[in-house]
Amino acid sequence: MKIAVDAMGGDYAPSIVVDGVAQALVEFPEIEEIVLVGHLDKIAYYLEKNNIANDPRLSLVHANSVVEMKESSTLALRGKKDSSITTCAKLLKEKRVSAIVSAGHTGAAVASTKVITRTLPGINRPAIAATLPGREGYFIVVDAGANTDCEPINLAQFAIMGEAYAHYFFGISNPRIGLLSVGGEDIKGNELTKETFKLLSDMPINFVGNVEGDSIFEGICDVVVCDGFMGNVVLKGTEGLAKAVLHWMKDVFTRNPVRKAGAMMARNAFKDLKAIGDADEFGGAPLLGIDGTCIIGHGGSSAKAVKNAIKVAADFVKYRLNDRIISRIQEAQLPESEQE
């Protein structure tokens, strides 16, 4: 198994990325080779710093440019065909690697993999599957940002992909699928959710109906289906709220000496609470539906997150998720779509 890592992707690249790769080389001996893709002159120092410049399981591929966060996603295909993420996608297309990992420009990662590697049979658009903590356990949001505008058939395909991911990756025997809307009744929502509700109701999945934004955290379903616009709002809103809650807790527990003493006694509990929503533990979210494996990390990923994203990529390949998705799409017999 060979995994390509975008060395230039992320707010703290290439330093943090190379650190994460160094950790992965030590902790995951089952990975045959890691291919580090980026500007070789810019990563040379960090390879020496981490003592992996001559590691036999590490290979290097030069990429002359990088798609910056402020640039458009289409630039990866038109103006920067030699970017690190585009080079990763080409390696995946040519089957020189089994998976790619990037914490860089999400839009560029989606655009380059979709166009270069194409999508799986029966899938029109790829979707990001993000894992979020609920009251008990976790749930998956599909799509979490790859497609801002969708048709009902896209959401139906997202449901199938999310079901396969929840079943084979998280071991949920019969994943409950919920459709994100503004009310539990099938008459609630906009035209997209109303039409999608009809499609999902006739599919061979465990569809539990519409779910609202508050109930998804209460364990009402295992997979939340929505368009990428709403999914990204949920994802970023959750991240922002978690940071605000930690700030509020720190504020109220440091107002006087008695509270400070109580906080010190409960510090291990606070560490456990923080760990529940620690995105670094998951490393990254898979881009479901492409003909290959692409794991997209947060822009602010730490070395630990990069390391874990590499592990997620290896597991995705090991569990043959794409084969499972193709099989389930065929079983669902969804109506054909003219969308690309």
C-alpha atoms as a PDB file:
ATOM      1  CA  MET A   1       0.000   0.000   0.000  1.00  0.00           C
ATOM      2  CA  LYS A   2       1.356   3.392  -1.042  1.00  0.00           C
ATOM      3  CA  ILE A   3      -0.088   6.684   0.206  1.00  0.00           C
ATOM      4  CA  ALA A   4       0.694  10.111  -1.234  1.00  0.00           C
ATOM      5  CA  VAL A   5       0.732  13.075   1.158  1.00  0.00           C
ATOM      6  CA  ASP A   6       0.444  16.698   0.048  1.00  0.00           C
ATOM      7  CA  ALA A   7       3.465  18.225   1.782  1.00  0.00           C
ATOM      8  CA  MET A   8       2.404  21.781   0.955  1.00  0.00           C
ATOM      9  CA  GLY A   9      -1.225  21.531   2.107  1.00  0.00           C
ATOM     10  CA  GLY A  10      -2.296  23.178   5.365  1.00  0.00           C
ATOM     11  CA  ASP A  11      -1.778  26.313   7.406  1.00  0.00           C
ATOM     12  CA  TYR A  12       1.495  25.030   8.870  1.00  0.00           C
ATOM     13  CA  ALA A  13       2.909  23.157   5.882  1.00  0.00           C
ATOM     14  CA  PRO A  14       5.390  21.812   5.143  1.00  0.00           C
ATOM     15  CA  SER A  15       6.789  21.616   8.704  1.00  0.00           C
ATOM     16  CA  ILE A  16       3.759  20.042  10.390  1.00  0.00           C
ATOM     17  CA  VAL A  17       3.039  17.741   7.456  1.00  0.00           C
ATOM     18  CA  VAL A  18       6.556  16.306   7.437  1.00  0.00           C
ATOM     19  CA  ASP A  19       6.354  15.864  11.221  1.00  0.00           C
ATOM     20  CA  GLY A  20       3.129  13.882  10.793  1.00  0.00           C
ATOM     21  CA  VAL A  21       4.645  11.744   8.054  1.00  0.00           C
ATOM     22  CA  ALA A  22       7.626  10.979  10.291  1.00  0.00           C
ATOM     23  CA  GLN A  23       5.269   9.796  13.043  1.00  0.00           C
ATOM     24  CA  ALA A  24       3.283   7.670  10.581  1.00  0.00           C
ATOM     25  CA  LEU A  25       6.427   5.948   9.326  1.00  0.00           C
ATOM     26  CA  VAL A  26       7.167   4.837  12.878  1.00  0.00           C
ATOM     27  CA  GLU A  27       3.649   3.952  14.048  1.00  0.00           C
ATOM     28  CA  PHE A  28       2.220   2.305  10.928  1.00  0.00           C
ATOM     29  CA  PRO A  29       4.708  -0.270   9.615  1.00  0.00           C
ATOM     30  CA  GLU A  30       1.925  -1.907   7.588  1.00  0.00           C
ATOM     31  CA  ILE A  31       2.016   1.034   5.165  1.00  0.00           C
ATOM     32  CA  GLU A  32       4.451  -0.022   2.471  1.00  0.00           C
ATOM     33  CA  GLU A  33       5.431   3.454   1.324  1.00  0.00           C
ATOM     34  CA  ILE A  34       4.570   7.112   1.868  1.00  0.00           C
ATOM     35  CA  VAL A  35       5.048   9.393  -1.120  1.00  0.00           C
ATOM     36  CA  LEU A  36       5.639  12.985  -0.041  1.00  0.00           C
ATOM     37  CA  VAL A  37       4.596  15.454  -2.748  1.00  0.00           C
ATOM     38  CA  GLY A  38       5.802  19.049  -2.696  1.00  0.00           C
ATOM     39  CA  HIS A  39       8.565  21.501  -3.507  1.00  0.00           C
ATOM     40  CA  LEU A  40      11.664  19.483  -2.680  1.00  0.00           C
ATOM     41  CA  ASP A  41      13.822  22.496  -1.841  1.00  0.00           C
ATOM     42  CA  LYS A  42      11.243  23.695   0.690  1.00  0.00           C
ATOM     43  CA  ILE A  43      10.846  20.365   2.459  1.00  0.00           C
ATOM     44  CA  ALA A  44      14.492  19.252   2.521  1.00  0.00           C
ATOM     45  CA  TYR A  45      15.240  20.935   5.874  1.00  0.00           C
ATOM     46  CA  TYR A  46      12.264  19.276   7.576  1.00  0.00           C
ATOM     47  CA  LEU A  47      13.206  15.856   6.238  1.00  0.00           C
ATOM     48  CA  GLU A  48      16.641  16.207   7.830  1.00  0.00           C
ATOM     49  CA  LYS A  49      15.139  17.606  11.030  1.00  0.00           C
ATOM     50  CA  ASN A  50      12.941  14.516  11.411  1.00  0.00           C
ATOM     51  CA  ASN A  51      15.710  12.109  10.331  1.00  0.00           C
ATOM     52  CA  ILE A  52      13.629  10.629   7.509  1.00  0.00           C
ATOM     53  CA  ALA A  53      15.512  11.951   4.475  1.00  0.00           C
ATOM     54  CA  ASN A  54      16.893   8.485   3.798  1.00  0.00           C
ATOM     55  CA  ASP A  55      14.011   6.405   5.103  1.00  0.00           C
ATOM     56  CA  PRO A  56      13.547   3.443   2.721  1.00  0.00           C
ATOM     57  CA  ARG A  57       9.739   3.683   3.043  1.00  0.00           C
ATOM     58  CA  LEU A  58       9.651   7.347   2.021  1.00  0.00           C
ATOM     59  CA  SER A  59       9.801   8.598  -1.543  1.00  0.00           C
ATOM     60  CA  LEU A  60       9.631  12.151  -2.867  1.00  0.00           C
ATOM     61  CA  VAL A  61       7.815  13.664  -5.849  1.00  0.00           C
ATOM     62  CA  HIS A  62       8.471  17.281  -6.807  1.00  0.00           C
ATOM     63  CA  ALA A  63       5.570  19.705  -7.275  1.00  0.00           C
ATOM     64  CA  ASN A  64       6.493  23.212  -8.281  1.00  0.00           C
ATOM     65  CA  SER A  65       3.498  25.141  -6.914  1.00  0.00           C
ATOM     66  CA  VAL A  66       0.738  25.094  -4.305  1.00  0.00           C
ATOM     67  CA  VAL A  67      -2.886  26.242  -4.394  1.00  0.00           C
ATOM     68  CA  GLU A  68      -3.198  28.865  -1.677  1.00  0.00           C
ATOM     69  CA  MET A  69      -6.291  29.027   0.538  1.00  0.00           C
ATOM     70  CA  LYS A  70      -7.356  32.383  -0.920  1.00  0.00           C
ATOM     71  CA  GLU A  71      -7.219  31.124  -4.514  1.00  0.00           C
ATOM     72  CA  SER A  72     -10.101  29.531  -6.423  1.00  0.00           C
ATOM     73  CA  SER A  73     -10.421  25.758  -6.593  1.00  0.00           C
ATOM     74  CA  THR A  74     -10.413  25.754 -10.394  1.00  0.00           C
ATOM     75  CA  LEU A  75      -6.915  27.217 -10.326  1.00  0.00           C
ATOM     76  CA  ALA A  76      -5.647  23.766  -9.403  1.00  0.00           C
ATOM     77  CA  LEU A  77      -6.786  22.503 -12.811  1.00  0.00           C
ATOM     78  CA  ARG A  78      -6.198  25.505 -15.039  1.00  0.00           C
ATOM     79  CA  GLY A  79      -3.471  27.751 -13.692  1.00  0.00           C
ATOM     80  CA  LYS A  80      -1.478  25.450 -11.433  1.00  0.00           C
ATOM     81  CA  LYS A  81      -1.409  22.069 -13.090  1.00  0.00           C
ATOM     82  CA  ASP A  82       1.883  21.372 -11.325  1.00  0.00           C
ATOM     83  CA  SER A  83       0.507  22.060  -7.829  1.00  0.00           C
ATOM     84  CA  SER A  84       1.066  19.577  -5.026  1.00  0.00           C
ATOM     85  CA  ILE A  85      -2.607  18.547  -4.806  1.00  0.00           C
ATOM     86  CA  THR A  86      -2.946  18.132  -8.575  1.00  0.00           C
ATOM     87  CA  THR A  87       0.215  16.039  -8.634  1.00  0.00           C
ATOM     88  CA  CYS A  88      -1.235  13.855  -5.875  1.00  0.00           C
ATOM     89  CA  ALA A  89      -4.420  13.373  -7.901  1.00  0.00           C
ATOM     90  CA  LYS A  90      -2.388  12.354 -10.957  1.00  0.00           C
ATOM     91  CA  LEU A  91      -0.496   9.759  -8.917  1.00  0.00           C
ATOM     92  CA  LEU A  92      -3.841   8.368  -7.771  1.00  0.00           C
ATOM     93  CA  LYS A  93      -5.215   8.314 -11.316  1.00  0.00           C
ATOM     94  CA  GLU A  94      -2.141   6.462 -12.560  1.00  0.00           C
ATOM     95  CA  LYS A  95      -2.499   3.916  -9.713  1.00  0.00           C
ATOM     96  CA  ARG A  96       0.977   4.760  -8.480  1.00  0.00           C
ATOM     97  CA  VAL A  97      -0.543   5.249  -5.033  1.00  0.00           C
ATOM     98  CA  SER A  98      -3.596   3.748  -3.331  1.00  0.00           C
ATOM     99  CA  ALA A  99      -4.666   6.924  -1.551  1.00  0.00           C
ATOM    100  CA  ILE A 100      -3.861  10.609  -1.118  1.00  0.00           C
ATOM    101  CA  VAL A 101      -3.964  12.852   1.960  1.00  0.00           C
ATOM    102  CA  SER A 102      -4.140  16.641   1.983  1.00  0.00           C
ATOM    103  CA  ALA A 103      -4.830  19.308   4.608  1.00  0.00           C
ATOM    104  CA  GLY A 104      -4.705  22.034   2.001  1.00  0.00           C
ATOM    105  CA  HIS A 105      -7.318  23.785  -0.113  1.00  0.00           C
ATOM    106  CA  THR A 106     -10.486  21.657   0.183  1.00  0.00           C
ATOM    107  CA  GLY A 107     -12.039  22.949  -3.025  1.00  0.00           C
ATOM    108  CA  ALA A 108      -8.860  22.237  -4.961  1.00  0.00           C
ATOM    109  CA  ALA A 109      -8.699  18.710  -3.543  1.00  0.00           C
ATOM    110  CA  VAL A 110     -12.317  18.052  -4.548  1.00  0.00           C
ATOM    111  CA  ALA A 111     -11.940  19.588  -8.010  1.00  0.00           C
ATOM    112  CA  SER A 112      -8.661  17.892  -8.899  1.00  0.00           C
ATOM    113  CA  THR A 113      -9.668  14.416  -7.721  1.00  0.00           C
ATOM    114  CA  LYS A 114     -13.105  14.602  -9.336  1.00  0.00           C
ATOM    115  CA  VAL A 115     -11.794  15.739 -12.710  1.00  0.00           C
ATOM    116  CA  ILE A 116      -8.545  13.768 -12.812  1.00  0.00           C
ATOM    117  CA  THR A 117      -9.535  10.484 -11.163  1.00  0.00           C
ATOM    118  CA  ARG A 118     -13.283  10.719 -11.977  1.00  0.00           C
ATOM    119  CA  THR A 119     -16.090   9.312  -9.845  1.00  0.00           C
ATOM    120  CA  LEU A 120     -17.194   5.755  -9.161  1.00  0.00           C
ATOM    121  CA  PRO A 121     -19.820   4.121 -11.418  1.00  0.00           C
ATOM    122  CA  GLY A 122     -23.265   5.389 -10.438  1.00  0.00           C
ATOM    123  CA  ILE A 123     -21.924   8.416  -8.556  1.00  0.00           C
ATOM    124  CA  ASN A 124     -22.322  11.873 -10.055  1.00  0.00           C
ATOM    125  CA  ARG A 125     -20.608  13.932  -7.383  1.00  0.00           C
ATOM    126  CA  PRO A 126     -18.178  13.100  -4.582  1.00  0.00           C
ATOM    127  CA  ALA A 127     -19.064  14.117  -1.027  1.00  0.00           C
ATOM    128  CA  ILE A 128     -17.084  14.845   2.135  1.00  0.00           C
ATOM    129  CA  ALA A 129     -18.028  12.617   5.088  1.00  0.00           C
ATOM    130  CA  ALA A 130     -17.281  14.434   8.349  1.00  0.00           C
ATOM    131  CA  THR A 131     -17.537  12.728  11.743  1.00  0.00           C
ATOM    132  CA  LEU A 132     -19.013  14.756  14.612  1.00  0.00           C
ATOM    133  CA  PRO A 133     -19.543  13.909  18.299  1.00  0.00           C
ATOM    134  CA  GLY A 134     -23.073  13.410  19.582  1.00  0.00           C
ATOM    135  CA  ARG A 135     -24.532  12.898  23.046  1.00  0.00           C
ATOM    136  CA  GLU A 136     -23.398   9.284  22.880  1.00  0.00           C
ATOM    137  CA  GLY A 137     -20.920   8.263  20.212  1.00  0.00           C
ATOM    138  CA  TYR A 138     -20.531   9.940  16.849  1.00  0.00           C
ATOM    139  CA  PHE A 139     -22.479  10.580  13.662  1.00  0.00           C
ATOM    140  CA  ILE A 140     -21.497  11.258  10.054  1.00  0.00           C
ATOM    141  CA  VAL A 141     -22.469  14.294   7.962  1.00  0.00           C
ATOM    142  CA  VAL A 142     -22.550  13.779   4.189  1.00  0.00           C
ATOM    143  CA  ASP A 143     -21.928  16.186   2.415  1.00  0.00           C
ATOM    144  CA  ALA A 144     -19.824  18.449   4.627  1.00  0.00           C
ATOM    145  CA  GLY A 145     -18.738  20.914   1.964  1.00  0.00           C
ATOM    146  CA  ALA A 146     -17.910  19.482  -1.455  1.00  0.00           C
ATOM    147  CA  ASN A 147     -21.158  20.535  -3.221  1.00  0.00           C
ATOM    148  CA  THR A 148     -22.964  23.758  -2.387  1.00  0.00           C
ATOM    149  CA  ASP A 149     -25.766  23.118  -4.895  1.00  0.00           C
ATOM    150  CA  CYS A 150     -27.337  19.682  -5.229  1.00  0.00           C
ATOM    151  CA  GLU A 151     -30.197  17.776  -6.796  1.00  0.00           C
ATOM    152  CA  PRO A 152     -32.224  15.084  -4.997  1.00  0.00           C
ATOM    153  CA  ILE A 153     -30.346  12.306  -6.826  1.00  0.00           C
ATOM    154  CA  ASN A 154     -27.070  13.632  -5.401  1.00  0.00           C
ATOM    155  CA  LEU A 155     -28.369  13.428  -1.845  1.00  0.00           C
ATOM    156  CA  ALA A 156     -29.687   9.921  -2.513  1.00  0.00           C
ATOM    157  CA  GLN A 157     -26.207   8.879  -3.600  1.00  0.00           C
ATOM    158  CA  PHE A 158     -24.721  10.592  -0.526  1.00  0.00           C
ATOM    159  CA  ALA A 159     -27.031   8.452   1.617  1.00  0.00           C
ATOM    160  CA  ILE A 160     -25.749   5.243   0.025  1.00  0.00           C
ATOM    161  CA  MET A 161     -22.118   6.296   0.412  1.00  0.00           C
ATOM    162  CA  GLY A 162     -22.644   7.399   4.013  1.00  0.00           C
ATOM    163  CA  GLU A 163     -24.374   4.122   4.838  1.00  0.00           C
ATOM    164  CA  ALA A 164     -21.464   2.073   3.466  1.00  0.00           C
ATOM    165  CA  TYR A 165     -18.952   4.231   5.324  1.00  0.00           C
ATOM    166  CA  ALA A 166     -20.828   3.905   8.637  1.00  0.00           C
ATOM    167  CA  HIS A 167     -21.314   0.163   8.219  1.00  0.00           C
ATOM    168  CA  TYR A 168     -17.898  -1.003   7.122  1.00  0.00           C
ATOM    169  CA  PHE A 169     -15.704   1.655   8.733  1.00  0.00           C
ATOM    170  CA  PHE A 170     -17.478   2.154  12.062  1.00  0.00           C
ATOM    171  CA  GLY A 171     -19.080  -1.292  12.361  1.00  0.00           C
ATOM    172  CA  ILE A 172     -22.714  -0.115  12.545  1.00  0.00           C
ATOM    173  CA  SER A 173     -24.810  -3.071  11.376  1.00  0.00           C
ATOM    174  CA  ASN A 174     -27.800  -1.146   9.995  1.00  0.00           C
ATOM    175  CA  PRO A 175     -26.958   2.576   9.921  1.00  0.00           C
ATOM    176  CA  ARG A 176     -29.861   4.961  10.448  1.00  0.00           C
ATOM    177  CA  ILE A 177     -30.039   7.582   7.705  1.00  0.00           C
ATOM    178  CA  GLY A 178     -31.581  10.984   8.429  1.00  0.00           C
ATOM    179  CA  LEU A 179     -32.280  13.886   6.061  1.00  0.00           C
ATOM    180  CA  LEU A 180     -31.370  17.290   7.503  1.00  0.00           C
ATOM    181  CA  SER A 181     -34.355  19.624   7.347  1.00  0.00           C
ATOM    182  CA  VAL A 182     -36.245  22.285   9.311  1.00  0.00           C
ATOM    183  CA  GLY A 183     -38.874  19.889  10.652  1.00  0.00           C
ATOM    184  CA  GLY A 184     -39.514  16.209  11.249  1.00  0.00           C
ATOM    185  CA  GLU A 185     -42.562  15.968   8.987  1.00  0.00           C
ATOM    186  CA  ASP A 186     -42.111  15.085   5.324  1.00  0.00           C
ATOM    187  CA  ILE A 187     -43.954  18.277   4.274  1.00  0.00           C
ATOM    188  CA  LYS A 188     -41.307  20.454   5.974  1.00  0.00           C
ATOM    189  CA  GLY A 189     -38.258  21.822   4.212  1.00  0.00           C
ATOM    190  CA  ASN A 190     -37.471  23.219   0.766  1.00  0.00           C
ATOM    191  CA  GLU A 191     -37.996  21.614  -2.621  1.00  0.00           C
ATOM    192  CA  LEU A 192     -34.675  19.802  -2.408  1.00  0.00           C
ATOM    193  CA  THR A 193     -35.448  18.088   0.890  1.00  0.00           C
ATOM    194  CA  LYS A 194     -39.050  17.300  -0.042  1.00  0.00           C
ATOM    195  CA  GLU A 195     -38.032  15.573  -3.281  1.00  0.00           C
ATOM    196  CA  THR A 196     -35.097  13.854  -1.594  1.00  0.00           C
ATOM    197  CA  PHE A 197     -37.419  12.564   1.123  1.00  0.00           C
ATOM    198  CA  LYS A 198     -39.453  10.746  -1.535  1.00  0.00           C
ATOM    199  CA  LEU A 199     -36.335   9.175  -3.041  1.00  0.00           C
ATOM    200  CA  LEU A 200     -34.899   8.032   0.271  1.00  0.00           C
ATOM    201  CA  SER A 201     -38.241   6.572   1.369  1.00  0.00           C
ATOM    202  CA  ASP A 202     -38.189   4.144  -1.563  1.00  0.00           C
ATOM    203  CA  MET A 203     -34.557   3.097  -1.189  1.00  0.00           C
ATOM    204  CA  PRO A 204     -33.288  -0.106   0.518  1.00  0.00           C
ATOM    205  CA  ILE A 205     -31.797   1.806   3.444  1.00  0.00           C
ATOM    206  CA  ASN A 206     -32.744   2.395   7.070  1.00  0.00           C
ATOM    207  CA  PHE A 207     -34.225   5.844   6.450  1.00  0.00           C
ATOM    208  CA  VAL A 208     -35.575   7.434   9.655  1.00  0.00           C
ATOM    209  CA  GLY A 209     -36.972  10.558   7.986  1.00  0.00           C
ATOM    210  CA  ASN A 210     -36.213  14.227   8.446  1.00  0.00           C
ATOM    211  CA  VAL A 211     -33.946  15.267  11.308  1.00  0.00           C
ATOM    212  CA  GLU A 212     -33.461  18.762  12.695  1.00  0.00           C
ATOM    213  CA  GLY A 213     -30.249  20.528  13.603  1.00  0.00           C
ATOM    214  CA  ASP A 214     -30.642  19.996  17.346  1.00  0.00           C
ATOM    215  CA  SER A 215     -31.709  16.341  17.222  1.00  0.00           C
ATOM    216  CA  ILE A 216     -28.710  15.154  15.201  1.00  0.00           C
ATOM    217  CA  PHE A 217     -26.590  15.526  18.356  1.00  0.00           C
ATOM    218  CA  GLU A 218     -29.028  13.392  20.375  1.00  0.00           C
ATOM    219  CA  GLY A 219     -28.273  10.130  18.565  1.00  0.00           C
ATOM    220  CA  ILE A 220     -31.383  10.067  16.358  1.00  0.00           C
ATOM    221  CA  CYS A 221     -29.388   8.802  13.365  1.00  0.00           C
ATOM    222  CA  ASP A 222     -25.938   7.598  12.342  1.00  0.00           C
ATOM    223  CA  VAL A 223     -25.708   9.402   8.999  1.00  0.00           C
ATOM    224  CA  VAL A 224     -27.007  12.909   8.314  1.00  0.00           C
ATOM    225  CA  VAL A 225     -27.610  13.630   4.623  1.00  0.00           C
ATOM    226  CA  CYS A 226     -27.592  17.184   3.285  1.00  0.00           C
ATOM    227  CA  ASP A 227     -26.104  19.380   0.587  1.00  0.00           C
ATOM    228  CA  GLY A 228     -22.575  20.658   1.090  1.00  0.00           C
ATOM    229  CA  PHE A 229     -23.729  24.180   1.904  1.00  0.00           C
ATOM    230  CA  MET A 230     -25.798  23.104   4.911  1.00  0.00           C
ATOM    231  CA  GLY A 231     -23.301  20.412   5.902  1.00  0.00           C
ATOM    232  CA  ASN A 232     -20.438  22.880   6.052  1.00  0.00           C
ATOM    233  CA  VAL A 233     -22.547  25.288   8.103  1.00  0.00           C
ATOM    234  CA  VAL A 234     -23.240  22.474  10.590  1.00  0.00           C
ATOM    235  CA  LEU A 235     -19.552  21.497  10.670  1.00  0.00           C
ATOM    236  CA  LYS A 236     -18.167  25.003  11.141  1.00  0.00           C
ATOM    237  CA  GLY A 237     -20.945  25.964  13.540  1.00  0.00           C
ATOM    238  CA  THR A 238     -20.172  22.955  15.703  1.00  0.00           C
ATOM    239  CA  GLU A 239     -16.465  23.751  15.718  1.00  0.00           C
ATOM    240  CA  GLY A 240     -17.147  27.361  16.659  1.00  0.00           C
ATOM    241  CA  LEU A 241     -19.564  26.444  19.428  1.00  0.00           C
ATOM    242  CA  ALA A 242     -17.094  23.945  20.908  1.00  0.00           C
ATOM    243  CA  LYS A 243     -14.405  26.635  21.082  1.00  0.00           C
ATOM    244  CA  ALA A 244     -16.864  29.091  22.645  1.00  0.00           C
ATOM    245  CA  VAL A 245     -17.947  26.576  25.310  1.00  0.00           C
ATOM    246  CA  LEU A 246     -14.327  25.906  26.281  1.00  0.00           C
ATOM    247  CA  HIS A 247     -13.768  29.657  26.525  1.00  0.00           C
ATOM    248  CA  TRP A 248     -16.849  30.108  28.712  1.00  0.00           C
ATOM    249  CA  MET A 249     -15.798  27.258  30.980  1.00  0.00           C
ATOM    250  CA  LYS A 250     -12.313  28.665  31.386  1.00  0.00           C
ATOM    251  CA  ASP A 251     -13.794  32.062  32.196  1.00  0.00           C
ATOM    252  CA  VAL A 252     -16.223  30.882  34.889  1.00  0.00           C
ATOM    253  CA  PHE A 253     -13.732  28.516  36.513  1.00  0.00           C
ATOM    254  CA  THR A 254     -11.043  31.176  36.935  1.00  0.00           C
ATOM    255  CA  ARG A 255     -13.126  33.919  38.547  1.00  0.00           C
ATOM    256  CA  ASN A 256     -12.048  33.170  42.117  1.00  0.00           C
ATOM    257  CA  PRO A 257      -9.591  30.944  44.022  1.00  0.00           C
ATOM    258  CA  VAL A 258     -12.241  28.426  45.080  1.00  0.00           C
ATOM    259  CA  ARG A 259     -13.325  27.795  41.500  1.00  0.00           C
ATOM    260  CA  LYS A 260      -9.705  27.587  40.376  1.00  0.00           C
ATOM    261  CA  ALA A 261      -9.069  24.904  42.982  1.00  0.00           C
ATOM    262  CA  GLY A 262     -12.111  22.966  41.785  1.00  0.00           C
ATOM    263  CA  ALA A 263     -10.937  23.262  38.197  1.00  0.00           C
ATOM    264  CA  MET A 264      -7.523  21.877  39.150  1.00  0.00           C
ATOM    265  CA  MET A 265      -9.151  18.886  40.794  1.00  0.00           C
ATOM    266  CA  ALA A 266     -11.262  18.265  37.689  1.00  0.00           C
ATOM    267  CA  ARG A 267      -8.536  18.913  35.126  1.00  0.00           C
ATOM    268  CA  ASN A 268      -8.449  15.293  33.946  1.00  0.00           C
ATOM    269  CA  ALA A 269     -12.194  15.422  33.366  1.00  0.00           C
ATOM    270  CA  PHE A 270     -11.746  18.560  31.283  1.00  0.00           C
ATOM    271  CA  LYS A 271      -9.056  16.825  29.238  1.00  0.00           C
ATOM    272  CA  ASP A 272     -11.449  13.958  28.562  1.00  0.00           C
ATOM    273  CA  LEU A 273     -14.176  16.427  27.568  1.00  0.00           C
ATOM    274  CA  LYS A 274     -11.865  18.216  25.152  1.00  0.00           C
ATOM    275  CA  ALA A 275     -10.762  14.911  23.624  1.00  0.00           C
ATOM    276  CA  ILE A 276     -14.354  14.031  22.660  1.00  0.00           C
ATOM    277  CA  GLY A 277     -14.408  16.719  19.996  1.00  0.00           C
ATOM    278  CA  ASP A 278     -10.724  16.604  19.090  1.00  0.00           C
ATOM    279  CA  ALA A 279     -10.611  16.637  15.291  1.00  0.00           C
ATOM    280  CA  ASP A 280      -6.969  15.544  15.394  1.00  0.00           C
ATOM    281  CA  GLU A 281      -8.089  12.099  16.545  1.00  0.00           C
ATOM    282  CA  PHE A 282      -9.931  11.530  13.260  1.00  0.00           C
ATOM    283  CA  GLY A 283      -7.190  13.078  11.154  1.00  0.00           C
ATOM    284  CA  GLY A 284      -9.364  13.860   8.171  1.00  0.00           C
ATOM    285  CA  ALA A 285     -12.598  13.211   6.331  1.00  0.00           C
ATOM    286  CA  PRO A 286     -12.843  10.943   3.280  1.00  0.00           C
ATOM    287  CA  LEU A 287     -14.022  12.323  -0.030  1.00  0.00           C
ATOM    288  CA  LEU A 288     -16.523   9.586  -0.837  1.00  0.00           C
ATOM    289  CA  GLY A 289     -17.370   8.680  -4.413  1.00  0.00           C
ATOM    290  CA  ILE A 290     -14.115   9.218  -6.288  1.00  0.00           C
ATOM    291  CA  ASP A 291     -12.313   6.407  -8.093  1.00  0.00           C
ATOM    292  CA  GLY A 292      -9.635   6.159  -5.451  1.00  0.00           C
ATOM    293  CA  THR A 293      -9.154   7.319  -1.877  1.00  0.00           C
ATOM    294  CA  CYS A 294      -8.738  10.935  -0.822  1.00  0.00           C
ATOM    295  CA  ILE A 295      -8.628  12.046   2.816  1.00  0.00           C
ATOM    296  CA  ILE A 296      -9.070  15.771   3.426  1.00  0.00           C
ATOM    297  CA  GLY A 297      -7.688  17.221   6.649  1.00  0.00           C
ATOM    298  CA  HIS A 298      -8.477  20.477   8.416  1.00  0.00           C
ATOM    299  CA  GLY A 299      -6.394  23.456   7.305  1.00  0.00           C
ATOM    300  CA  GLY A 300      -5.083  23.844  10.837  1.00  0.00           C
ATOM    301  CA  SER A 301      -4.121  20.180  11.160  1.00  0.00           C
ATOM    302  CA  SER A 302      -1.414  19.296  13.653  1.00  0.00           C
ATOM    303  CA  ALA A 303       1.249  16.656  13.105  1.00  0.00           C
ATOM    304  CA  LYS A 304      -0.958  14.246  15.040  1.00  0.00           C
ATOM    305  CA  ALA A 305      -3.854  14.973  12.670  1.00  0.00           C
ATOM    306  CA  VAL A 306      -1.678  14.374   9.601  1.00  0.00           C
ATOM    307  CA  LYS A 307      -0.479  11.090  11.084  1.00  0.00           C
ATOM    308  CA  ASN A 308      -4.027   9.953  11.797  1.00  0.00           C
ATOM    309  CA  ALA A 309      -5.239  11.049   8.363  1.00  0.00           C
ATOM    310  CA  ILE A 310      -2.643   8.720   6.856  1.00  0.00           C
ATOM    311  CA  LYS A 311      -3.997   5.914   9.049  1.00  0.00           C
ATOM    312  CA  VAL A 312      -7.578   6.680   7.927  1.00  0.00           C
ATOM    313  CA  ALA A 313      -6.438   6.501   4.297  1.00  0.00           C
ATOM    314  CA  ALA A 314      -4.822   3.105   4.897  1.00  0.00           C
ATOM    315  CA  ASP A 315      -7.961   1.777   6.625  1.00  0.00           C
ATOM    316  CA  PHE A 316     -10.193   3.072   3.829  1.00  0.00           C
ATOM    317  CA  VAL A 317      -8.174   1.085   1.316  1.00  0.00           C
ATOM    318  CA  LYS A 318      -8.005  -1.965   3.591  1.00  0.00           C
ATOM    319  CA  TYR A 319     -11.780  -2.093   4.052  1.00  0.00           C
ATOM    320  CA  ARG A 320     -12.332  -1.699   0.268  1.00  0.00           C
ATOM    321  CA  LEU A 321     -14.929   1.018   0.842  1.00  0.00           C
ATOM    322  CA  ASN A 322     -15.196   1.877  -2.828  1.00  0.00           C
ATOM    323  CA  ASP A 323     -16.149  -1.686  -3.743  1.00  0.00           C
ATOM    324  CA  ARG A 324     -18.817  -1.592  -1.028  1.00  0.00           C
ATOM    325  CA  ILE A 325     -20.190   1.697  -2.329  1.00  0.00           C
ATOM    326  CA  ILE A 326     -20.406   0.437  -5.917  1.00  0.00           C
ATOM    327  CA  SER A 327     -22.230  -2.685  -4.763  1.00  0.00           C
ATOM    328  CA  ARG A 328     -24.769  -0.716  -2.718  1.00  0.00           C
ATOM    329  CA  ILE A 329     -25.362   1.778  -5.534  1.00  0.00           C
ATOM    330  CA  GLN A 330     -26.166  -1.111  -7.870  1.00  0.00           C
ATOM    331  CA  GLU A 331     -28.559  -2.625  -5.312  1.00  0.00           C
ATOM    332  CA  ALA A 332     -30.354   0.698  -4.802  1.00  0.00           C
ATOM    333  CA  GLN A 333     -31.185   1.004  -8.529  1.00  0.00           C
ATOM    334  CA  LEU A 334     -31.406   4.784  -8.372  1.00  0.00           C
ATOM    335  CA  PRO A 335     -32.809   6.704 -11.343  1.00  0.00           C
ATOM    336  CA  GLU A 336     -30.192   7.842 -13.819  1.00  0.00           C
ATOM    337  CA  SER A 337     -29.017  11.429 -13.771  1.00  0.00           C
ATOM    338  CA  GLU A 338     -27.682  13.556 -16.589  1.00  0.00           C
ATOM    339  CA  GLN A 339     -25.369  15.448 -14.252  1.00  0.00           C
ATOM    340  CA  GLU A 340     -21.625  15.106 -14.627  1.00  0.00           C
END
